[in-house]
């Protein structure tokens, strides 16, 4: 296998929201993810969202020229798993801040991974 030096192909943020709001509202979630992509400076290609029956959650993805933002919600637990992967000089922090303002979690955790990094 060819060994490469440390290279960044983008930042992948795994964001966990706890005790968040609007977790069954596909309209609000879609608007929030689209706005987060725009706030980050990304270019939206398309999106797709699905609300599960009996208000049991939403899954959605916004495809970006720079990669994607996705969300999966568990409303009974107040939990949302958000995945933000962007290459280039996008502002992931701005996207996370907008999503936190929209979904109002009581707490959140962000884990970041630099993609393509060899240590």
C-alpha atoms as a PDB file:
ATOM      1  CA  UNK A   1       0.000   0.000   0.000  1.00  0.00           C
ATOM      2  CA  UNK A   2       1.313   3.438  -0.884  1.00  0.00           C
ATOM      3  CA  UNK A   3       1.905   5.547   2.194  1.00  0.00           C
ATOM      4  CA  UNK A   4       0.900   9.185   2.006  1.00  0.00           C
ATOM      5  CA  UNK A   5       1.783  12.090   4.206  1.00  0.00           C
ATOM      6  CA  UNK A   6      -0.766  13.818   6.400  1.00  0.00           C
ATOM      7  CA  UNK A   7      -3.458  15.111   4.072  1.00  0.00           C
ATOM      8  CA  UNK A   8      -6.822  16.664   4.814  1.00  0.00           C
ATOM      9  CA  UNK A   9      -9.653  15.908   2.437  1.00  0.00           C
ATOM     10  CA  UNK A  10     -12.172  17.583   4.675  1.00  0.00           C
ATOM     11  CA  UNK A  11     -13.565  17.777   8.167  1.00  0.00           C
ATOM     12  CA  UNK A  12     -16.206  15.352   9.362  1.00  0.00           C
ATOM     13  CA  UNK A  13     -18.173  16.555  12.403  1.00  0.00           C
ATOM     14  CA  UNK A  14     -20.325  14.110  14.330  1.00  0.00           C
ATOM     15  CA  UNK A  15     -22.808  16.155  16.328  1.00  0.00           C
ATOM     16  CA  UNK A  16     -25.055  14.681  19.038  1.00  0.00           C
ATOM     17  CA  UNK A  17     -27.959  16.830  20.275  1.00  0.00           C
ATOM     18  CA  UNK A  18     -29.606  15.863  23.558  1.00  0.00           C
ATOM     19  CA  UNK A  19     -33.091  16.978  24.657  1.00  0.00           C
ATOM     20  CA  UNK A  20     -33.599  18.800  21.373  1.00  0.00           C
ATOM     21  CA  UNK A  21     -36.847  20.187  19.933  1.00  0.00           C
ATOM     22  CA  UNK A  22     -38.664  19.772  16.579  1.00  0.00           C
ATOM     23  CA  UNK A  23     -37.470  16.192  16.131  1.00  0.00           C
ATOM     24  CA  UNK A  24     -40.649  15.062  14.335  1.00  0.00           C
ATOM     25  CA  UNK A  25     -41.120  18.233  12.283  1.00  0.00           C
ATOM     26  CA  UNK A  26     -39.712  17.433   8.851  1.00  0.00           C
ATOM     27  CA  UNK A  27     -40.403  20.972   7.597  1.00  0.00           C
ATOM     28  CA  UNK A  28     -38.418  22.596  10.406  1.00  0.00           C
ATOM     29  CA  UNK A  29     -35.581  20.070  10.153  1.00  0.00           C
ATOM     30  CA  UNK A  30     -35.293  20.496   6.387  1.00  0.00           C
ATOM     31  CA  UNK A  31     -35.261  24.288   6.683  1.00  0.00           C
ATOM     32  CA  UNK A  32     -32.624  24.111   9.438  1.00  0.00           C
ATOM     33  CA  UNK A  33     -30.269  21.832   7.506  1.00  0.00           C
ATOM     34  CA  UNK A  34     -30.613  23.884   4.316  1.00  0.00           C
ATOM     35  CA  UNK A  35     -29.953  27.091   6.251  1.00  0.00           C
ATOM     36  CA  UNK A  36     -26.975  25.474   8.009  1.00  0.00           C
ATOM     37  CA  UNK A  37     -25.456  24.519   4.652  1.00  0.00           C
ATOM     38  CA  UNK A  38     -25.882  28.059   3.378  1.00  0.00           C
ATOM     39  CA  UNK A  39     -24.483  29.556   6.596  1.00  0.00           C
ATOM     40  CA  UNK A  40     -21.417  27.322   6.245  1.00  0.00           C
ATOM     41  CA  UNK A  41     -20.841  28.690   2.747  1.00  0.00           C
ATOM     42  CA  UNK A  42     -21.619  25.376   1.037  1.00  0.00           C
ATOM     43  CA  UNK A  43     -23.360  24.821  -2.295  1.00  0.00           C
ATOM     44  CA  UNK A  44     -26.572  22.768  -2.090  1.00  0.00           C
ATOM     45  CA  UNK A  45     -27.119  20.156  -4.803  1.00  0.00           C
ATOM     46  CA  UNK A  46     -30.295  18.464  -3.549  1.00  0.00           C
ATOM     47  CA  UNK A  47     -31.990  17.199  -0.397  1.00  0.00           C
ATOM     48  CA  UNK A  48     -34.268  14.404   0.717  1.00  0.00           C
ATOM     49  CA  UNK A  49     -36.124  13.985   4.016  1.00  0.00           C
ATOM     50  CA  UNK A  50     -38.412  11.269   5.323  1.00  0.00           C
ATOM     51  CA  UNK A  51     -40.716  11.432   8.348  1.00  0.00           C
ATOM     52  CA  UNK A  52     -41.385   8.007   9.831  1.00  0.00           C
ATOM     53  CA  UNK A  53     -44.963   6.979  10.703  1.00  0.00           C
ATOM     54  CA  UNK A  54     -46.411   7.706  14.128  1.00  0.00           C
ATOM     55  CA  UNK A  55     -43.989  10.623  14.634  1.00  0.00           C
ATOM     56  CA  UNK A  56     -41.202   8.172  15.388  1.00  0.00           C
ATOM     57  CA  UNK A  57     -38.481  10.325  13.835  1.00  0.00           C
ATOM     58  CA  UNK A  58     -37.037  11.903  10.748  1.00  0.00           C
ATOM     59  CA  UNK A  59     -34.074  11.077   8.574  1.00  0.00           C
ATOM     60  CA  UNK A  60     -32.744  13.538   6.068  1.00  0.00           C
ATOM     61  CA  UNK A  61     -29.766  14.487   3.976  1.00  0.00           C
ATOM     62  CA  UNK A  62     -28.621  17.600   2.161  1.00  0.00           C
ATOM     63  CA  UNK A  63     -26.146  16.770  -0.595  1.00  0.00           C
ATOM     64  CA  UNK A  64     -23.549  19.442  -1.104  1.00  0.00           C
ATOM     65  CA  UNK A  65     -20.937  20.183  -3.708  1.00  0.00           C
ATOM     66  CA  UNK A  66     -18.608  19.981  -0.691  1.00  0.00           C
ATOM     67  CA  UNK A  67     -20.151  16.692   0.613  1.00  0.00           C
ATOM     68  CA  UNK A  68     -23.219  16.457   2.925  1.00  0.00           C
ATOM     69  CA  UNK A  69     -25.181  17.229   6.081  1.00  0.00           C
ATOM     70  CA  UNK A  70     -27.492  14.545   7.446  1.00  0.00           C
ATOM     71  CA  UNK A  71     -29.758  14.079  10.458  1.00  0.00           C
ATOM     72  CA  UNK A  72     -31.474  11.161  12.159  1.00  0.00           C
ATOM     73  CA  UNK A  73     -33.831  11.821  15.067  1.00  0.00           C
ATOM     74  CA  UNK A  74     -35.153   9.787  17.980  1.00  0.00           C
ATOM     75  CA  UNK A  75     -37.935  12.023  19.379  1.00  0.00           C
ATOM     76  CA  UNK A  76     -38.849   9.713  22.261  1.00  0.00           C
ATOM     77  CA  UNK A  77     -35.314  10.186  23.566  1.00  0.00           C
ATOM     78  CA  UNK A  78     -34.939  13.827  22.505  1.00  0.00           C
ATOM     79  CA  UNK A  79     -31.863  12.808  20.508  1.00  0.00           C
ATOM     80  CA  UNK A  80     -30.592  13.896  17.097  1.00  0.00           C
ATOM     81  CA  UNK A  81     -27.497  12.527  15.363  1.00  0.00           C
ATOM     82  CA  UNK A  82     -26.145  15.054  12.872  1.00  0.00           C
ATOM     83  CA  UNK A  83     -23.364  14.345  10.421  1.00  0.00           C
ATOM     84  CA  UNK A  84     -21.559  17.228   8.696  1.00  0.00           C
ATOM     85  CA  UNK A  85     -18.800  16.432   6.215  1.00  0.00           C
ATOM     86  CA  UNK A  86     -17.330  19.283   4.199  1.00  0.00           C
ATOM     87  CA  UNK A  87     -14.190  19.837   2.215  1.00  0.00           C
ATOM     88  CA  UNK A  88     -12.700  23.205   1.465  1.00  0.00           C
ATOM     89  CA  UNK A  89     -12.940  26.327   3.566  1.00  0.00           C
ATOM     90  CA  UNK A  90     -16.494  25.825   4.819  1.00  0.00           C
ATOM     91  CA  UNK A  91     -17.535  26.983   8.295  1.00  0.00           C
ATOM     92  CA  UNK A  92     -18.760  23.872  10.066  1.00  0.00           C
ATOM     93  CA  UNK A  93     -18.967  25.824  13.332  1.00  0.00           C
ATOM     94  CA  UNK A  94     -21.436  28.265  11.753  1.00  0.00           C
ATOM     95  CA  UNK A  95     -23.576  25.310  10.605  1.00  0.00           C
ATOM     96  CA  UNK A  96     -23.528  23.752  14.085  1.00  0.00           C
ATOM     97  CA  UNK A  97     -24.432  27.073  15.732  1.00  0.00           C
ATOM     98  CA  UNK A  98     -27.398  27.543  13.400  1.00  0.00           C
ATOM     99  CA  UNK A  99     -28.633  23.994  14.025  1.00  0.00           C
ATOM    100  CA  UNK A 100     -28.313  24.478  17.793  1.00  0.00           C
ATOM    101  CA  UNK A 101     -30.329  27.706  17.566  1.00  0.00           C
ATOM    102  CA  UNK A 102     -33.031  25.951  15.529  1.00  0.00           C
ATOM    103  CA  UNK A 103     -33.296  22.702  17.521  1.00  0.00           C
ATOM    104  CA  UNK A 104     -32.449  24.091  20.963  1.00  0.00           C
ATOM    105  CA  UNK A 105     -30.689  21.085  22.492  1.00  0.00           C
ATOM    106  CA  UNK A 106     -30.100  21.193  26.229  1.00  0.00           C
ATOM    107  CA  UNK A 107     -26.646  19.755  25.581  1.00  0.00           C
ATOM    108  CA  UNK A 108     -24.552  18.731  22.603  1.00  0.00           C
ATOM    109  CA  UNK A 109     -21.297  16.997  21.811  1.00  0.00           C
ATOM    110  CA  UNK A 110     -19.182  17.543  18.702  1.00  0.00           C
ATOM    111  CA  UNK A 111     -16.500  15.119  17.560  1.00  0.00           C
ATOM    112  CA  UNK A 112     -14.319  16.129  14.611  1.00  0.00           C
ATOM    113  CA  UNK A 113     -12.335  13.897  12.319  1.00  0.00           C
ATOM    114  CA  UNK A 114      -9.939  15.133   9.656  1.00  0.00           C
ATOM    115  CA  UNK A 115     -10.566  12.835   6.690  1.00  0.00           C
ATOM    116  CA  UNK A 116      -7.546  11.406   4.892  1.00  0.00           C
ATOM    117  CA  UNK A 117      -5.198  12.011   7.790  1.00  0.00           C
ATOM    118  CA  UNK A 118      -2.519   9.477   8.525  1.00  0.00           C
ATOM    119  CA  UNK A 119      -0.750   9.751  11.854  1.00  0.00           C
END
